[in-house]
Amino acid sequence: MSDGSSVRDNAANSRFELEEEGQIAFAEYVRRGEVLIIPHVEAPIALRGKGTAGRLMAGVLDRVRAEGLKVVPSCPYAAAFIARNKQYQDLVA
């Protein structure tokens, strides 16, 4: 779904970001050892319904896999995204 190259880790703000159309969608995270907790995912209103949040989540989860981490999707959107995309279900802690 995504190569993850356009999703950046804004470590100073503990969130992954994806810029599209001059606006930023983000997924906040809390790192606990080898586990990334995702409590909140948000896309600006202008980007909703365009797949931006899905591309963001795919990029985040591709990075999680590449780094050998697991994820706890406490955000309802993040949990639903993983439930809909079986290729990421093995990443859930």
PDB file of N, CA and C in Angstrom:
ATOM      1  N   MET A   1       0.819  -1.205   0.000  1.00  0.00           N
ATOM      2  CA  MET A   1       0.000   0.000   0.000  1.00  0.00           C
ATOM      3  C   MET A   1       0.857   1.261   0.000  1.00  0.00           C
ATOM      4  N   SER A   2       1.956   1.233   0.752  1.00  0.00           N
ATOM      5  CA  SER A   2       2.797   2.423   0.877  1.00  0.00           C
ATOM      6  C   SER A   2       4.234   1.991   1.016  1.00  0.00           C
ATOM      7  N   ASP A   3       5.144   2.781   0.496  1.00  0.00           N
ATOM      8  CA  ASP A   3       6.549   2.467   0.713  1.00  0.00           C
ATOM      9  C   ASP A   3       7.071   3.155   1.968  1.00  0.00           C
ATOM     10  N   GLY A   4       6.235   3.979   2.598  1.00  0.00           N
ATOM     11  CA  GLY A   4       6.607   4.630   3.850  1.00  0.00           C
ATOM     12  C   GLY A   4       7.574   5.784   3.689  1.00  0.00           C
ATOM     13  N   SER A   5       8.053   6.010   2.452  1.00  0.00           N
ATOM     14  CA  SER A   5       9.088   7.022   2.266  1.00  0.00           C
ATOM     15  C   SER A   5       8.585   8.438   2.486  1.00  0.00           C
ATOM     16  N   SER A   6       7.294   8.674   2.336  1.00  0.00           N
ATOM     17  CA  SER A   6       6.780  10.033   2.515  1.00  0.00           C
ATOM     18  C   SER A   6       6.297  10.286   3.944  1.00  0.00           C
ATOM     19  N   VAL A   7       6.263   9.246   4.766  1.00  0.00           N
ATOM     20  CA  VAL A   7       5.882   9.408   6.171  1.00  0.00           C
ATOM     21  C   VAL A   7       7.155   9.689   6.954  1.00  0.00           C
ATOM     22  N   ARG A   8       7.138  10.773   7.707  1.00  0.00           N
ATOM     23  CA  ARG A   8       8.329  11.131   8.486  1.00  0.00           C
ATOM     24  C   ARG A   8       8.048  11.041   9.980  1.00  0.00           C
ATOM     25  N   ASP A   9       9.085  10.705  10.713  1.00  0.00           N
ATOM     26  CA  ASP A   9       9.003  10.607  12.163  1.00  0.00           C
ATOM     27  C   ASP A   9       9.398  11.956  12.748  1.00  0.00           C
ATOM     28  N   ASN A  10       8.440  12.650  13.321  1.00  0.00           N
ATOM     29  CA  ASN A  10       8.709  13.903  14.020  1.00  0.00           C
ATOM     30  C   ASN A  10       8.903  13.530  15.494  1.00  0.00           C
ATOM     31  N   ALA A  11      10.094  13.052  15.806  1.00  0.00           N
ATOM     32  CA  ALA A  11      10.382  12.535  17.149  1.00  0.00           C
ATOM     33  C   ALA A  11      10.204  13.603  18.221  1.00  0.00           C
ATOM     34  N   ALA A  12      10.478  14.859  17.900  1.00  0.00           N
ATOM     35  CA  ALA A  12      10.331  15.945  18.874  1.00  0.00           C
ATOM     36  C   ALA A  12       8.886  16.066  19.358  1.00  0.00           C
ATOM     37  N   ASN A  13       7.932  15.745  18.492  1.00  0.00           N
ATOM     38  CA  ASN A  13       6.517  15.812  18.849  1.00  0.00           C
ATOM     39  C   ASN A  13       5.892  14.432  19.032  1.00  0.00           C
ATOM     40  N   SER A  14       6.701  13.376  18.996  1.00  0.00           N
ATOM     41  CA  SER A  14       6.230  11.995  19.154  1.00  0.00           C
ATOM     42  C   SER A  14       5.064  11.688  18.220  1.00  0.00           C
ATOM     43  N   ARG A  15       5.290  11.950  16.941  1.00  0.00           N
ATOM     44  CA  ARG A  15       4.247  11.635  15.968  1.00  0.00           C
ATOM     45  C   ARG A  15       4.852  11.423  14.588  1.00  0.00           C
ATOM     46  N   PHE A  16       4.174  10.580  13.817  1.00  0.00           N
ATOM     47  CA  PHE A  16       4.512  10.389  12.411  1.00  0.00           C
ATOM     48  C   PHE A  16       3.639  11.345  11.621  1.00  0.00           C
ATOM     49  N   GLU A  17       4.198  11.890  10.548  1.00  0.00           N
ATOM     50  CA  GLU A  17       3.474  12.892   9.760  1.00  0.00           C
ATOM     51  C   GLU A  17       3.518  12.545   8.277  1.00  0.00           C
ATOM     52  N   LEU A  18       2.441  12.905   7.606  1.00  0.00           N
ATOM     53  CA  LEU A  18       2.350  12.782   6.157  1.00  0.00           C
ATOM     54  C   LEU A  18       1.776  14.081   5.630  1.00  0.00           C
ATOM     55  N   GLU A  19       2.547  14.759   4.790  1.00  0.00           N
ATOM     56  CA  GLU A  19       2.081  16.021   4.208  1.00  0.00           C
ATOM     57  C   GLU A  19       1.487  15.761   2.830  1.00  0.00           C
ATOM     58  N   GLU A  20       0.266  16.234   2.631  1.00  0.00           N
ATOM     59  CA  GLU A  20      -0.411  16.178   1.347  1.00  0.00           C
ATOM     60  C   GLU A  20      -1.183  17.470   1.164  1.00  0.00           C
ATOM     61  N   GLU A  21      -1.134  18.006  -0.044  1.00  0.00           N
ATOM     62  CA  GLU A  21      -1.860  19.240  -0.375  1.00  0.00           C
ATOM     63  C   GLU A  21      -1.528  20.361   0.609  1.00  0.00           C
ATOM     64  N   GLY A  22      -0.289  20.401   1.093  1.00  0.00           N
ATOM     65  CA  GLY A  22       0.145  21.462   1.993  1.00  0.00           C
ATOM     66  C   GLY A  22      -0.364  21.333   3.424  1.00  0.00           C
ATOM     67  N   GLN A  23      -0.989  20.207   3.753  1.00  0.00           N
ATOM     68  CA  GLN A  23      -1.508  19.996   5.110  1.00  0.00           C
ATOM     69  C   GLN A  23      -0.911  18.711   5.671  1.00  0.00           C
ATOM     70  N   ILE A  24      -0.931  18.579   6.990  1.00  0.00           N
ATOM     71  CA  ILE A  24      -0.275  17.449   7.634  1.00  0.00           C
ATOM     72  C   ILE A  24      -1.279  16.580   8.387  1.00  0.00           C
ATOM     73  N   ALA A  25      -1.282  15.305   8.032  1.00  0.00           N
ATOM     74  CA  ALA A  25      -1.994  14.287   8.801  1.00  0.00           C
ATOM     75  C   ALA A  25      -0.952  13.679   9.732  1.00  0.00           C
ATOM     76  N   PHE A  26      -1.378  13.240  10.918  1.00  0.00           N
ATOM     77  CA  PHE A  26      -0.389  12.717  11.863  1.00  0.00           C
ATOM     78  C   PHE A  26      -0.949  11.567  12.694  1.00  0.00           C
ATOM     79  N   ALA A  27      -0.017  10.761  13.176  1.00  0.00           N
ATOM     80  CA  ALA A  27      -0.322   9.658  14.091  1.00  0.00           C
ATOM     81  C   ALA A  27       0.590   9.834  15.298  1.00  0.00           C
ATOM     82  N   GLU A  28      -0.006  10.189  16.429  1.00  0.00           N
ATOM     83  CA  GLU A  28       0.781  10.338  17.650  1.00  0.00           C
ATOM     84  C   GLU A  28       1.207   8.965  18.143  1.00  0.00           C
ATOM     85  N   TYR A  29       2.359   8.910  18.802  1.00  0.00           N
ATOM     86  CA  TYR A  29       2.805   7.636  19.343  1.00  0.00           C
ATOM     87  C   TYR A  29       3.512   7.812  20.684  1.00  0.00           C
ATOM     88  N   VAL A  30       3.516   6.713  21.436  1.00  0.00           N
ATOM     89  CA  VAL A  30       4.278   6.609  22.674  1.00  0.00           C
ATOM     90  C   VAL A  30       5.104   5.347  22.517  1.00  0.00           C
ATOM     91  N   ARG A  31       6.398   5.471  22.687  1.00  0.00           N
ATOM     92  CA  ARG A  31       7.276   4.305  22.546  1.00  0.00           C
ATOM     93  C   ARG A  31       7.542   3.696  23.912  1.00  0.00           C
ATOM     94  N   ARG A  32       7.281   2.404  24.025  1.00  0.00           N
ATOM     95  CA  ARG A  32       7.544   1.635  25.248  1.00  0.00           C
ATOM     96  C   ARG A  32       8.420   0.452  24.854  1.00  0.00           C
ATOM     97  N   GLY A  33       9.712   0.649  24.891  1.00  0.00           N
ATOM     98  CA  GLY A  33      10.634  -0.403  24.475  1.00  0.00           C
ATOM     99  C   GLY A  33      10.456  -0.717  23.007  1.00  0.00           C
ATOM    100  N   GLU A  34      10.075  -1.954  22.727  1.00  0.00           N
ATOM    101  CA  GLU A  34       9.894  -2.408  21.345  1.00  0.00           C
ATOM    102  C   GLU A  34       8.443  -2.293  20.880  1.00  0.00           C
ATOM    103  N   VAL A  35       7.632  -1.532  21.627  1.00  0.00           N
ATOM    104  CA  VAL A  35       6.211  -1.377  21.298  1.00  0.00           C
ATOM    105  C   VAL A  35       5.897   0.098  21.065  1.00  0.00           C
ATOM    106  N   LEU A  36       5.164   0.348  19.998  1.00  0.00           N
ATOM    107  CA  LEU A  36       4.700   1.696  19.683  1.00  0.00           C
ATOM    108  C   LEU A  36       3.199   1.748  19.951  1.00  0.00           C
ATOM    109  N   ILE A  37       2.783   2.580  20.881  1.00  0.00           N
ATOM    110  CA  ILE A  37       1.364   2.767  21.177  1.00  0.00           C
ATOM    111  C   ILE A  37       0.888   3.946  20.324  1.00  0.00           C
ATOM    112  N   ILE A  38      -0.208   3.763  19.614  1.00  0.00           N
ATOM    113  CA  ILE A  38      -0.763   4.832  18.760  1.00  0.00           C
ATOM    114  C   ILE A  38      -2.104   5.254  19.348  1.00  0.00           C
ATOM    115  N   PRO A  39      -2.099   6.358  20.143  1.00  0.00           N
ATOM    116  CA  PRO A  39      -3.335   6.793  20.794  1.00  0.00           C
ATOM    117  C   PRO A  39      -4.218   7.706  19.945  1.00  0.00           C
ATOM    118  N   HIS A  40      -3.650   8.290  18.863  1.00  0.00           N
ATOM    119  CA  HIS A  40      -4.444   9.271  18.112  1.00  0.00           C
ATOM    120  C   HIS A  40      -3.925   9.395  16.689  1.00  0.00           C
ATOM    121  N   VAL A  41      -4.843   9.355  15.730  1.00  0.00           N
ATOM    122  CA  VAL A  41      -4.544   9.597  14.319  1.00  0.00           C
ATOM    123  C   VAL A  41      -5.497  10.689  13.857  1.00  0.00           C
ATOM    124  N   GLU A  42      -4.969  11.670  13.143  1.00  0.00           N
ATOM    125  CA  GLU A  42      -5.820  12.778  12.690  1.00  0.00           C
ATOM    126  C   GLU A  42      -5.402  13.274  11.315  1.00  0.00           C
ATOM    127  N   ALA A  43      -6.405  13.547  10.492  1.00  0.00           N
ATOM    128  CA  ALA A  43      -6.188  14.168   9.187  1.00  0.00           C
ATOM    129  C   ALA A  43      -7.005  15.453   9.161  1.00  0.00           C
ATOM    130  N   PRO A  44      -6.444  16.535   8.607  1.00  0.00           N
ATOM    131  CA  PRO A  44      -7.214  17.768   8.478  1.00  0.00           C
ATOM    132  C   PRO A  44      -8.497  17.520   7.675  1.00  0.00           C
ATOM    133  N   ILE A  45      -9.509  18.275   7.954  1.00  0.00           N
ATOM    134  CA  ILE A  45     -10.809  18.108   7.296  1.00  0.00           C
ATOM    135  C   ILE A  45     -10.674  18.086   5.773  1.00  0.00           C
ATOM    136  N   ALA A  46      -9.812  18.933   5.222  1.00  0.00           N
ATOM    137  CA  ALA A  46      -9.658  19.003   3.764  1.00  0.00           C
ATOM    138  C   ALA A  46      -9.090  17.713   3.172  1.00  0.00           C
ATOM    139  N   LEU A  47      -8.433  16.885   3.991  1.00  0.00           N
ATOM    140  CA  LEU A  47      -7.830  15.647   3.494  1.00  0.00           C
ATOM    141  C   LEU A  47      -8.689  14.413   3.767  1.00  0.00           C
ATOM    142  N   ARG A  48      -9.733  14.568   4.519  1.00  0.00           N
ATOM    143  CA  ARG A  48     -10.568  13.415   4.874  1.00  0.00           C
ATOM    144  C   ARG A  48     -11.321  12.896   3.653  1.00  0.00           C
ATOM    145  N   GLY A  49     -11.449  11.595   3.601  1.00  0.00           N
ATOM    146  CA  GLY A  49     -12.145  10.963   2.482  1.00  0.00           C
ATOM    147  C   GLY A  49     -11.286  10.807   1.243  1.00  0.00           C
ATOM    148  N   LYS A  50      -9.994  11.123   1.344  1.00  0.00           N
ATOM    149  CA  LYS A  50      -9.084  11.037   0.197  1.00  0.00           C
ATOM    150  C   LYS A  50      -8.044   9.936   0.366  1.00  0.00           C
ATOM    151  N   GLY A  51      -8.131   9.180   1.455  1.00  0.00           N
ATOM    152  CA  GLY A  51      -7.179   8.099   1.676  1.00  0.00           C
ATOM    153  C   GLY A  51      -5.902   8.512   2.376  1.00  0.00           C
ATOM    154  N   THR A  52      -5.816   9.766   2.779  1.00  0.00           N
ATOM    155  CA  THR A  52      -4.592  10.258   3.414  1.00  0.00           C
ATOM    156  C   THR A  52      -4.279   9.516   4.699  1.00  0.00           C
ATOM    157  N   ALA A  53      -5.261   9.353   5.572  1.00  0.00           N
ATOM    158  CA  ALA A  53      -5.017   8.671   6.846  1.00  0.00           C
ATOM    159  C   ALA A  53      -4.609   7.220   6.611  1.00  0.00           C
ATOM    160  N   GLY A  54      -5.165   6.584   5.615  1.00  0.00           N
ATOM    161  CA  GLY A  54      -4.780   5.215   5.277  1.00  0.00           C
ATOM    162  C   GLY A  54      -3.344   5.136   4.793  1.00  0.00           C
ATOM    163  N   ARG A  55      -2.938   6.083   3.948  1.00  0.00           N
ATOM    164  CA  ARG A  55      -1.546   6.116   3.489  1.00  0.00           C
ATOM    165  C   ARG A  55      -0.604   6.388   4.659  1.00  0.00           C
ATOM    166  N   LEU A  56      -1.030   7.253   5.563  1.00  0.00           N
ATOM    167  CA  LEU A  56      -0.238   7.530   6.766  1.00  0.00           C
ATOM    168  C   LEU A  56      -0.062   6.255   7.576  1.00  0.00           C
ATOM    169  N   MET A  57      -1.160   5.564   7.871  1.00  0.00           N
ATOM    170  CA  MET A  57      -1.088   4.352   8.683  1.00  0.00           C
ATOM    171  C   MET A  57      -0.252   3.278   7.999  1.00  0.00           C
ATOM    172  N   ALA A  58      -0.391   3.115   6.709  1.00  0.00           N
ATOM    173  CA  ALA A  58       0.410   2.124   5.990  1.00  0.00           C
ATOM    174  C   ALA A  58       1.894   2.465   6.125  1.00  0.00           C
ATOM    175  N   GLY A  59       2.229   3.743   5.986  1.00  0.00           N
ATOM    176  CA  GLY A  59       3.624   4.156   6.132  1.00  0.00           C
ATOM    177  C   GLY A  59       4.145   3.921   7.534  1.00  0.00           C
ATOM    178  N   VAL A  60       3.319   4.225   8.531  1.00  0.00           N
ATOM    179  CA  VAL A  60       3.713   3.996   9.928  1.00  0.00           C
ATOM    180  C   VAL A  60       3.951   2.510  10.159  1.00  0.00           C
ATOM    181  N   LEU A  61       3.013   1.688   9.723  1.00  0.00           N
ATOM    182  CA  LEU A  61       3.121   0.248   9.971  1.00  0.00           C
ATOM    183  C   LEU A  61       4.245  -0.388   9.170  1.00  0.00           C
ATOM    184  N   ASP A  62       4.537   0.127   7.993  1.00  0.00           N
ATOM    185  CA  ASP A  62       5.692  -0.355   7.239  1.00  0.00           C
ATOM    186  C   ASP A  62       6.984  -0.053   7.996  1.00  0.00           C
ATOM    187  N   ARG A  63       7.051   1.109   8.632  1.00  0.00           N
ATOM    188  CA  ARG A  63       8.234   1.464   9.439  1.00  0.00           C
ATOM    189  C   ARG A  63       8.322   0.600  10.686  1.00  0.00           C
ATOM    190  N   VAL A  64       7.169   0.355  11.323  1.00  0.00           N
ATOM    191  CA  VAL A  64       7.129  -0.512  12.502  1.00  0.00           C
ATOM    192  C   VAL A  64       7.717  -1.885  12.138  1.00  0.00           C
ATOM    193  N   ARG A  65       7.277  -2.434  11.007  1.00  0.00           N
ATOM    194  CA  ARG A  65       7.770  -3.736  10.563  1.00  0.00           C
ATOM    195  C   ARG A  65       9.275  -3.670  10.276  1.00  0.00           C
ATOM    196  N   ALA A  66       9.709  -2.657   9.565  1.00  0.00           N
ATOM    197  CA  ALA A  66      11.124  -2.535   9.195  1.00  0.00           C
ATOM    198  C   ALA A  66      12.025  -2.424  10.429  1.00  0.00           C
ATOM    199  N   GLU A  67      11.506  -1.817  11.490  1.00  0.00           N
ATOM    200  CA  GLU A  67      12.296  -1.635  12.709  1.00  0.00           C
ATOM    201  C   GLU A  67      12.136  -2.796  13.688  1.00  0.00           C
ATOM    202  N   GLY A  68      11.327  -3.796  13.329  1.00  0.00           N
ATOM    203  CA  GLY A  68      11.146  -4.964  14.183  1.00  0.00           C
ATOM    204  C   GLY A  68      10.353  -4.679  15.447  1.00  0.00           C
ATOM    205  N   LEU A  69       9.446  -3.699  15.361  1.00  0.00           N
ATOM    206  CA  LEU A  69       8.633  -3.316  16.516  1.00  0.00           C
ATOM    207  C   LEU A  69       7.260  -3.975  16.459  1.00  0.00           C
ATOM    208  N   LYS A  70       6.487  -3.775  17.508  1.00  0.00           N
ATOM    209  CA  LYS A  70       5.081  -4.152  17.557  1.00  0.00           C
ATOM    210  C   LYS A  70       4.287  -2.878  17.820  1.00  0.00           C
ATOM    211  N   VAL A  71       2.977  -2.951  17.656  1.00  0.00           N
ATOM    212  CA  VAL A  71       2.136  -1.773  17.801  1.00  0.00           C
ATOM    213  C   VAL A  71       0.904  -2.087  18.649  1.00  0.00           C
ATOM    214  N   VAL A  72       0.492  -1.087  19.423  1.00  0.00           N
ATOM    215  CA  VAL A  72      -0.771  -1.143  20.160  1.00  0.00           C
ATOM    216  C   VAL A  72      -1.634  -0.007  19.612  1.00  0.00           C
ATOM    217  N   PRO A  73      -2.634  -0.328  18.796  1.00  0.00           N
ATOM    218  CA  PRO A  73      -3.481   0.703  18.199  1.00  0.00           C
ATOM    219  C   PRO A  73      -4.623   1.098  19.142  1.00  0.00           C
ATOM    220  N   SER A  74      -4.361   1.999  20.085  1.00  0.00           N
ATOM    221  CA  SER A  74      -5.421   2.406  21.015  1.00  0.00           C
ATOM    222  C   SER A  74      -6.378   3.410  20.390  1.00  0.00           C
ATOM    223  N   CYS A  75      -5.995   4.030  19.298  1.00  0.00           N
ATOM    224  CA  CYS A  75      -6.885   4.914  18.538  1.00  0.00           C
ATOM    225  C   CYS A  75      -7.864   4.048  17.739  1.00  0.00           C
ATOM    226  N   PRO A  76      -9.150   4.346  17.793  1.00  0.00           N
ATOM    227  CA  PRO A  76     -10.123   3.551  17.037  1.00  0.00           C
ATOM    228  C   PRO A  76      -9.831   3.490  15.534  1.00  0.00           C
ATOM    229  N   TYR A  77      -9.354   4.596  14.953  1.00  0.00           N
ATOM    230  CA  TYR A  77      -9.044   4.568  13.518  1.00  0.00           C
ATOM    231  C   TYR A  77      -7.886   3.618  13.241  1.00  0.00           C
ATOM    232  N   ALA A  78      -6.829   3.701  14.043  1.00  0.00           N
ATOM    233  CA  ALA A  78      -5.665   2.835  13.846  1.00  0.00           C
ATOM    234  C   ALA A  78      -6.067   1.368  13.988  1.00  0.00           C
ATOM    235  N   ALA A  79      -6.887   1.056  14.989  1.00  0.00           N
ATOM    236  CA  ALA A  79      -7.348  -0.324  15.195  1.00  0.00           C
ATOM    237  C   ALA A  79      -8.183  -0.797  14.011  1.00  0.00           C
ATOM    238  N   ALA A  80      -9.069   0.052  13.520  1.00  0.00           N
ATOM    239  CA  ALA A  80      -9.916  -0.317  12.380  1.00  0.00           C
ATOM    240  C   ALA A  80      -9.078  -0.509  11.117  1.00  0.00           C
ATOM    241  N   PHE A  81      -8.080   0.333  10.924  1.00  0.00           N
ATOM    242  CA  PHE A  81      -7.209   0.209   9.756  1.00  0.00           C
ATOM    243  C   PHE A  81      -6.513  -1.151   9.765  1.00  0.00           C
ATOM    244  N   ILE A  82      -5.969  -1.528  10.918  1.00  0.00           N
ATOM    245  CA  ILE A  82      -5.279  -2.810  11.021  1.00  0.00           C
ATOM    246  C   ILE A  82      -6.262  -3.962  10.825  1.00  0.00           C
ATOM    247  N   ALA A  83      -7.456  -3.859  11.369  1.00  0.00           N
ATOM    248  CA  ALA A  83      -8.466  -4.905  11.204  1.00  0.00           C
ATOM    249  C   ALA A  83      -8.831  -5.105   9.730  1.00  0.00           C
ATOM    250  N   ARG A  84      -8.842  -4.009   8.958  1.00  0.00           N
ATOM    251  CA  ARG A  84      -9.192  -4.068   7.530  1.00  0.00           C
ATOM    252  C   ARG A  84      -8.029  -4.523   6.650  1.00  0.00           C
ATOM    253  N   ASN A  85      -6.817  -4.450   7.165  1.00  0.00           N
ATOM    254  CA  ASN A  85      -5.623  -4.747   6.367  1.00  0.00           C
ATOM    255  C   ASN A  85      -4.837  -5.881   7.019  1.00  0.00           C
ATOM    256  N   LYS A  86      -5.172  -7.088   6.613  1.00  0.00           N
ATOM    257  CA  LYS A  86      -4.627  -8.290   7.244  1.00  0.00           C
ATOM    258  C   LYS A  86      -3.102  -8.350   7.226  1.00  0.00           C
ATOM    259  N   GLN A  87      -2.471  -7.713   6.241  1.00  0.00           N
ATOM    260  CA  GLN A  87      -1.009  -7.768   6.161  1.00  0.00           C
ATOM    261  C   GLN A  87      -0.313  -7.080   7.328  1.00  0.00           C
ATOM    262  N   TYR A  88      -1.073  -6.317   8.142  1.00  0.00           N
ATOM    263  CA  TYR A  88      -0.477  -5.637   9.286  1.00  0.00           C
ATOM    264  C   TYR A  88      -0.891  -6.257  10.627  1.00  0.00           C
ATOM    265  N   GLN A  89      -1.771  -7.228  10.610  1.00  0.00           N
ATOM    266  CA  GLN A  89      -2.304  -7.760  11.868  1.00  0.00           C
ATOM    267  C   GLN A  89      -1.249  -8.457  12.721  1.00  0.00           C
ATOM    268  N   ASP A  90      -0.198  -8.970  12.102  1.00  0.00           N
ATOM    269  CA  ASP A  90       0.862  -9.616  12.866  1.00  0.00           C
ATOM    270  C   ASP A  90       1.714  -8.636  13.660  1.00  0.00           C
ATOM    271  N   LEU A  91       1.534  -7.353  13.425  1.00  0.00           N
ATOM    272  CA  LEU A  91       2.312  -6.325  14.137  1.00  0.00           C
ATOM    273  C   LEU A  91       1.698  -5.936  15.478  1.00  0.00           C
ATOM    274  N   VAL A  92       0.470  -6.374  15.730  1.00  0.00           N
ATOM    275  CA  VAL A  92      -0.216  -5.986  16.965  1.00  0.00           C
ATOM    276  C   VAL A  92       0.389  -6.729  18.149  1.00  0.00           C
ATOM    277  N   ALA A  93       0.748  -5.966  19.170  1.00  0.00           N
ATOM    278  CA  ALA A  93       1.354  -6.556  20.384  1.00  0.00           C
ATOM    279  C   ALA A  93       0.294  -7.246  21.212  1.00  0.00           C
TER     280      ALA A  93
END
